[in-house]
PDB file of N, CA and C in Angstrom:
ATOM      1  N   MET A   1     -11.963  -5.975 -38.073  1.00  0.00           N
ATOM      2  CA  MET A   1     -11.639  -5.223 -36.880  1.00  0.00           C
ATOM      3  C   MET A   1     -12.293  -5.929 -35.685  1.00  0.00           C
ATOM      4  N   PRO A   2     -11.511  -6.341 -34.697  1.00  0.00           N
ATOM      5  CA  PRO A   2     -12.093  -7.063 -33.561  1.00  0.00           C
ATOM      6  C   PRO A   2     -12.876  -6.127 -32.646  1.00  0.00           C
ATOM      7  N   HIS A   3     -13.843  -6.692 -31.976  1.00  0.00           N
ATOM      8  CA  HIS A   3     -14.708  -5.945 -31.059  1.00  0.00           C
ATOM      9  C   HIS A   3     -14.105  -6.014 -29.656  1.00  0.00           C
ATOM     10  N   HIS A   4     -13.656  -4.847 -29.111  1.00  0.00           N
ATOM     11  CA  HIS A   4     -12.981  -4.822 -27.819  1.00  0.00           C
ATOM     12  C   HIS A   4     -13.922  -4.491 -26.664  1.00  0.00           C
ATOM     13  N   HIS A   5     -15.085  -3.930 -26.949  1.00  0.00           N
ATOM     14  CA  HIS A   5     -16.007  -3.545 -25.887  1.00  0.00           C
ATOM     15  C   HIS A   5     -16.845  -4.746 -25.479  1.00  0.00           C
ATOM     16  N   PRO A   6     -17.191  -4.838 -24.196  1.00  0.00           N
ATOM     17  CA  PRO A   6     -18.049  -5.947 -23.774  1.00  0.00           C
ATOM     18  C   PRO A   6     -19.455  -5.770 -24.324  1.00  0.00           C
ATOM     19  N   PRO A   7     -20.198  -6.847 -24.455  1.00  0.00           N
ATOM     20  CA  PRO A   7     -21.591  -6.715 -24.905  1.00  0.00           C
ATOM     21  C   PRO A   7     -22.405  -5.927 -23.881  1.00  0.00           C
ATOM     22  N   PRO A   8     -23.548  -5.386 -24.288  1.00  0.00           N
ATOM     23  CA  PRO A   8     -24.313  -4.510 -23.378  1.00  0.00           C
ATOM     24  C   PRO A   8     -24.697  -5.167 -22.065  1.00  0.00           C
ATOM     25  N   ASP A   9     -24.980  -6.469 -22.068  1.00  0.00           N
ATOM     26  CA  ASP A   9     -25.365  -7.102 -20.819  1.00  0.00           C
ATOM     27  C   ASP A   9     -24.196  -7.216 -19.845  1.00  0.00           C
ATOM     28  N   GLN A  10     -22.964  -7.245 -20.352  1.00  0.00           N
ATOM     29  CA  GLN A  10     -21.792  -7.284 -19.480  1.00  0.00           C
ATOM     30  C   GLN A  10     -21.257  -5.894 -19.178  1.00  0.00           C
ATOM     31  N   ALA A  11     -21.565  -4.919 -20.018  1.00  0.00           N
ATOM     32  CA  ALA A  11     -21.053  -3.567 -19.812  1.00  0.00           C
ATOM     33  C   ALA A  11     -21.619  -2.958 -18.536  1.00  0.00           C
ATOM     34  N   LEU A  12     -22.849  -3.301 -18.202  1.00  0.00           N
ATOM     35  CA  LEU A  12     -23.470  -2.756 -17.002  1.00  0.00           C
ATOM     36  C   LEU A  12     -23.386  -3.711 -15.823  1.00  0.00           C
ATOM     37  N   ALA A  13     -22.673  -4.810 -15.992  1.00  0.00           N
ATOM     38  CA  ALA A  13     -22.553  -5.786 -14.913  1.00  0.00           C
ATOM     39  C   ALA A  13     -21.691  -5.216 -13.791  1.00  0.00           C
ATOM     40  N   GLU A  14     -21.839  -5.768 -12.610  1.00  0.00           N
ATOM     41  CA  GLU A  14     -21.068  -5.287 -11.467  1.00  0.00           C
ATOM     42  C   GLU A  14     -19.576  -5.520 -11.680  1.00  0.00           C
ATOM     43  N   HIS A  15     -19.219  -6.674 -12.202  1.00  0.00           N
ATOM     44  CA  HIS A  15     -17.825  -6.983 -12.507  1.00  0.00           C
ATOM     45  C   HIS A  15     -17.750  -7.555 -13.922  1.00  0.00           C
ATOM     46  N   PRO A  16     -17.450  -6.709 -14.921  1.00  0.00           N
ATOM     47  CA  PRO A  16     -17.335  -7.225 -16.288  1.00  0.00           C
ATOM     48  C   PRO A  16     -16.256  -8.294 -16.376  1.00  0.00           C
ATOM     49  N   LEU A  17     -16.380  -9.148 -17.362  1.00  0.00           N
ATOM     50  CA  LEU A  17     -15.435 -10.248 -17.505  1.00  0.00           C
ATOM     51  C   LEU A  17     -14.052  -9.776 -17.923  1.00  0.00           C
ATOM     52  N   ALA A  18     -13.970  -8.741 -18.760  1.00  0.00           N
ATOM     53  CA  ALA A  18     -12.666  -8.275 -19.230  1.00  0.00           C
ATOM     54  C   ALA A  18     -12.674  -6.754 -19.340  1.00  0.00           C
ATOM     55  N   TYR A  19     -11.552  -6.148 -19.006  1.00  0.00           N
ATOM     56  CA  TYR A  19     -11.364  -4.705 -19.148  1.00  0.00           C
ATOM     57  C   TYR A  19     -10.345  -4.470 -20.248  1.00  0.00           C
ATOM     58  N   SER A  20     -10.596  -3.451 -21.068  1.00  0.00           N
ATOM     59  CA  SER A  20      -9.641  -3.129 -22.120  1.00  0.00           C
ATOM     60  C   SER A  20      -8.451  -2.355 -21.555  1.00  0.00           C
ATOM     61  N   ASP A  21      -8.619  -1.732 -20.407  1.00  0.00           N
ATOM     62  CA  ASP A  21      -7.567  -0.915 -19.801  1.00  0.00           C
ATOM     63  C   ASP A  21      -7.292  -1.429 -18.384  1.00  0.00           C
ATOM     64  N   PRO A  22      -6.070  -1.871 -18.099  1.00  0.00           N
ATOM     65  CA  PRO A  22      -5.785  -2.376 -16.755  1.00  0.00           C
ATOM     66  C   PRO A  22      -5.934  -1.314 -15.667  1.00  0.00           C
ATOM     67  N   GLU A  23      -5.681  -0.049 -15.993  1.00  0.00           N
ATOM     68  CA  GLU A  23      -5.858   1.012 -15.001  1.00  0.00           C
ATOM     69  C   GLU A  23      -7.337   1.183 -14.651  1.00  0.00           C
ATOM     70  N   LEU A  24      -8.210   1.023 -15.638  1.00  0.00           N
ATOM     71  CA  LEU A  24      -9.643   1.097 -15.380  1.00  0.00           C
ATOM     72  C   LEU A  24     -10.076  -0.032 -14.465  1.00  0.00           C
ATOM     73  N   ARG A  25      -9.506  -1.200 -14.649  1.00  0.00           N
ATOM     74  CA  ARG A  25      -9.840  -2.330 -13.780  1.00  0.00           C
ATOM     75  C   ARG A  25      -9.425  -2.032 -12.333  1.00  0.00           C
ATOM     76  N   ALA A  26      -8.227  -1.494 -12.151  1.00  0.00           N
ATOM     77  CA  ALA A  26      -7.754  -1.176 -10.805  1.00  0.00           C
ATOM     78  C   ALA A  26      -8.631  -0.104 -10.170  1.00  0.00           C
ATOM     79  N   TYR A  27      -9.022   0.901 -10.961  1.00  0.00           N
ATOM     80  CA  TYR A  27      -9.887   1.953 -10.433  1.00  0.00           C
ATOM     81  C   TYR A  27     -11.257   1.395 -10.058  1.00  0.00           C
ATOM     82  N   ALA A  28     -11.808   0.589 -10.920  1.00  0.00           N
ATOM     83  CA  ALA A  28     -13.152   0.067 -10.690  1.00  0.00           C
ATOM     84  C   ALA A  28     -13.196  -0.843  -9.467  1.00  0.00           C
ATOM     85  N   GLU A  29     -12.139  -1.543  -9.196  1.00  0.00           N
ATOM     86  CA  GLU A  29     -12.153  -2.485  -8.089  1.00  0.00           C
ATOM     87  C   GLU A  29     -11.762  -1.846  -6.761  1.00  0.00           C
ATOM     88  N   GLU A  30     -10.943  -0.800  -6.769  1.00  0.00           N
ATOM     89  CA  GLU A  30     -10.446  -0.232  -5.521  1.00  0.00           C
ATOM     90  C   GLU A  30     -10.990   1.164  -5.250  1.00  0.00           C
ATOM     91  N   GLN A  31     -10.782   2.095  -6.172  1.00  0.00           N
ATOM     92  CA  GLN A  31     -11.093   3.498  -5.917  1.00  0.00           C
ATOM     93  C   GLN A  31     -12.578   3.765  -5.817  1.00  0.00           C
ATOM     94  N   ALA A  32     -13.385   3.116  -6.627  1.00  0.00           N
ATOM     95  CA  ALA A  32     -14.813   3.403  -6.628  1.00  0.00           C
ATOM     96  C   ALA A  32     -15.430   3.071  -5.273  1.00  0.00           C
ATOM     97  N   GLU A  33     -15.055   1.988  -4.664  1.00  0.00           N
ATOM     98  CA  GLU A  33     -15.587   1.632  -3.352  1.00  0.00           C
ATOM     99  C   GLU A  33     -15.074   2.596  -2.282  1.00  0.00           C
ATOM    100  N   ASP A  34     -13.835   3.033  -2.384  1.00  0.00           N
ATOM    101  CA  ASP A  34     -13.286   3.970  -1.405  1.00  0.00           C
ATOM    102  C   ASP A  34     -13.996   5.316  -1.468  1.00  0.00           C
ATOM    103  N   ILE A  35     -14.321   5.781  -2.666  1.00  0.00           N
ATOM    104  CA  ILE A  35     -15.022   7.053  -2.816  1.00  0.00           C
ATOM    105  C   ILE A  35     -16.411   6.953  -2.196  1.00  0.00           C
ATOM    106  N   LEU A  36     -17.107   5.870  -2.447  1.00  0.00           N
ATOM    107  CA  LEU A  36     -18.438   5.693  -1.885  1.00  0.00           C
ATOM    108  C   LEU A  36     -18.384   5.618  -0.365  1.00  0.00           C
ATOM    109  N   ASP A  37     -17.432   4.897   0.170  1.00  0.00           N
ATOM    110  CA  ASP A  37     -17.309   4.783   1.622  1.00  0.00           C
ATOM    111  C   ASP A  37     -16.981   6.125   2.272  1.00  0.00           C
ATOM    112  N   SER A  38     -16.239   6.978   1.589  1.00  0.00           N
ATOM    113  CA  SER A  38     -15.892   8.270   2.176  1.00  0.00           C
ATOM    114  C   SER A  38     -17.076   9.231   2.188  1.00  0.00           C
ATOM    115  N   VAL A  39     -18.026   9.081   1.275  1.00  0.00           N
ATOM    116  CA  VAL A  39     -19.175   9.979   1.207  1.00  0.00           C
ATOM    117  C   VAL A  39     -20.286   9.542   2.159  1.00  0.00           C
ATOM    118  N   VAL A  40     -20.411   8.253   2.408  1.00  0.00           N
ATOM    119  CA  VAL A  40     -21.513   7.729   3.211  1.00  0.00           C
ATOM    120  C   VAL A  40     -21.515   8.324   4.620  1.00  0.00           C
ATOM    121  N   HIS A  41     -20.368   8.626   5.173  1.00  0.00           N
ATOM    122  CA  HIS A  41     -20.290   9.151   6.535  1.00  0.00           C
ATOM    123  C   HIS A  41     -20.915  10.540   6.659  1.00  0.00           C
ATOM    124  N   TYR A  42     -20.965  11.297   5.567  1.00  0.00           N
ATOM    125  CA  TYR A  42     -21.516  12.647   5.609  1.00  0.00           C
ATOM    126  C   TYR A  42     -23.024  12.691   5.380  1.00  0.00           C
ATOM    127  N   MET A  43     -23.631  11.601   4.956  1.00  0.00           N
ATOM    128  CA  MET A  43     -25.039  11.620   4.586  1.00  0.00           C
ATOM    129  C   MET A  43     -25.981  11.967   5.738  1.00  0.00           C
ATOM    130  N   PRO A  44     -25.779  11.513   6.984  1.00  0.00           N
ATOM    131  CA  PRO A  44     -26.712  11.917   8.049  1.00  0.00           C
ATOM    132  C   PRO A  44     -26.737  13.427   8.291  1.00  0.00           C
ATOM    133  N   LEU A  45     -25.679  14.124   7.987  1.00  0.00           N
ATOM    134  CA  LEU A  45     -25.668  15.580   8.116  1.00  0.00           C
ATOM    135  C   LEU A  45     -26.112  16.264   6.832  1.00  0.00           C
ATOM    136  N   LEU A  46     -25.684  15.730   5.713  1.00  0.00           N
ATOM    137  CA  LEU A  46     -25.912  16.393   4.438  1.00  0.00           C
ATOM    138  C   LEU A  46     -27.370  16.325   3.996  1.00  0.00           C
ATOM    139  N   LEU A  47     -28.040  15.213   4.196  1.00  0.00           N
ATOM    140  CA  LEU A  47     -29.423  15.092   3.737  1.00  0.00           C
ATOM    141  C   LEU A  47     -30.371  16.070   4.442  1.00  0.00           C
ATOM    142  N   PRO A  48     -30.351  16.196   5.767  1.00  0.00           N
ATOM    143  CA  PRO A  48     -31.246  17.189   6.385  1.00  0.00           C
ATOM    144  C   PRO A  48     -30.911  18.626   5.997  1.00  0.00           C
ATOM    145  N   ILE A  49     -29.631  18.930   5.865  1.00  0.00           N
ATOM    146  CA  ILE A  49     -29.243  20.289   5.474  1.00  0.00           C
ATOM    147  C   ILE A  49     -29.748  20.603   4.070  1.00  0.00           C
ATOM    148  N   MET A  50     -29.564  19.672   3.143  1.00  0.00           N
ATOM    149  CA  MET A  50     -30.036  19.896   1.775  1.00  0.00           C
ATOM    150  C   MET A  50     -31.561  19.951   1.729  1.00  0.00           C
ATOM    151  N   GLY A  51     -32.232  19.152   2.561  1.00  0.00           N
ATOM    152  CA  GLY A  51     -33.693  19.222   2.631  1.00  0.00           C
ATOM    153  C   GLY A  51     -34.165  20.574   3.123  1.00  0.00           C
ATOM    154  N   ALA A  52     -33.496  21.123   4.134  1.00  0.00           N
ATOM    155  CA  ALA A  52     -33.857  22.443   4.648  1.00  0.00           C
ATOM    156  C   ALA A  52     -33.633  23.525   3.599  1.00  0.00           C
ATOM    157  N   ILE A  53     -32.541  23.424   2.872  1.00  0.00           N
ATOM    158  CA  ILE A  53     -32.272  24.395   1.804  1.00  0.00           C
ATOM    159  C   ILE A  53     -33.335  24.298   0.720  1.00  0.00           C
ATOM    160  N   LEU A  54     -33.728  23.084   0.366  1.00  0.00           N
ATOM    161  CA  LEU A  54     -34.766  22.899  -0.654  1.00  0.00           C
ATOM    162  C   LEU A  54     -36.098  23.477  -0.199  1.00  0.00           C
ATOM    163  N   ILE A  55     -36.479  23.238   1.044  1.00  0.00           N
ATOM    164  CA  ILE A  55     -37.733  23.796   1.567  1.00  0.00           C
ATOM    165  C   ILE A  55     -37.680  25.320   1.570  1.00  0.00           C
ATOM    166  N   PHE A  56     -36.545  25.885   1.974  1.00  0.00           N
ATOM    167  CA  PHE A  56     -36.400  27.343   1.967  1.00  0.00           C
ATOM    168  C   PHE A  56     -36.527  27.903   0.549  1.00  0.00           C
ATOM    169  N   MET A  57     -35.881  27.239  -0.403  1.00  0.00           N
ATOM    170  CA  MET A  57     -35.958  27.713  -1.791  1.00  0.00           C
ATOM    171  C   MET A  57     -37.389  27.628  -2.322  1.00  0.00           C
ATOM    172  N   LEU A  58     -38.105  26.554  -2.007  1.00  0.00           N
ATOM    173  CA  LEU A  58     -39.489  26.438  -2.479  1.00  0.00           C
ATOM    174  C   LEU A  58     -40.365  27.488  -1.826  1.00  0.00           C
ATOM    175  N   ALA A  59     -40.164  27.766  -0.537  1.00  0.00           N
ATOM    176  CA  ALA A  59     -40.945  28.795   0.135  1.00  0.00           C
ATOM    177  C   ALA A  59     -40.628  30.171  -0.456  1.00  0.00           C
ATOM    178  N   PHE A  60     -39.373  30.414  -0.759  1.00  0.00           N
ATOM    179  CA  PHE A  60     -38.986  31.694  -1.373  1.00  0.00           C
ATOM    180  C   PHE A  60     -39.648  31.876  -2.725  1.00  0.00           C
ATOM    181  N   ILE A  61     -39.669  30.819  -3.516  1.00  0.00           N
ATOM    182  CA  ILE A  61     -40.318  30.884  -4.832  1.00  0.00           C
ATOM    183  C   ILE A  61     -41.817  31.147  -4.663  1.00  0.00           C
ATOM    184  N   ALA A  62     -42.445  30.491  -3.677  1.00  0.00           N
ATOM    185  CA  ALA A  62     -43.876  30.710  -3.451  1.00  0.00           C
ATOM    186  C   ALA A  62     -44.165  32.148  -3.037  1.00  0.00           C
ATOM    187  N   VAL A  63     -43.313  32.739  -2.203  1.00  0.00           N
ATOM    188  CA  VAL A  63     -43.526  34.131  -1.772  1.00  0.00           C
ATOM    189  C   VAL A  63     -43.312  35.088  -2.933  1.00  0.00           C
ATOM    190  N   VAL A  64     -42.313  34.828  -3.763  1.00  0.00           N
ATOM    191  CA  VAL A  64     -42.048  35.709  -4.893  1.00  0.00           C
ATOM    192  C   VAL A  64     -43.173  35.626  -5.907  1.00  0.00           C
ATOM    193  N   MET A  65     -43.712  34.430  -6.123  1.00  0.00           N
ATOM    194  CA  MET A  65     -44.781  34.260  -7.100  1.00  0.00           C
ATOM    195  C   MET A  65     -46.107  34.864  -6.625  1.00  0.00           C
ATOM    196  N   ALA A  66     -46.281  34.969  -5.302  1.00  0.00           N
ATOM    197  CA  ALA A  66     -47.576  35.439  -4.777  1.00  0.00           C
ATOM    198  C   ALA A  66     -47.741  36.943  -4.896  1.00  0.00           C
TER     199      ALA A  66
END
């Protein structure tokens, strides 16, 4: 039975040498970068908001525990 998966050192590489599925290759080369680029624009707003929510939750836990 032939081995179709890349070796571990190539499996985690940025661009593996061969893909077993051509659709996976197209997704990995095009869609993954587009998804990352679409999320990066929200980070300056999202990080402070999530930080404020985290601080509020920790303060709430401290008040409940006291």
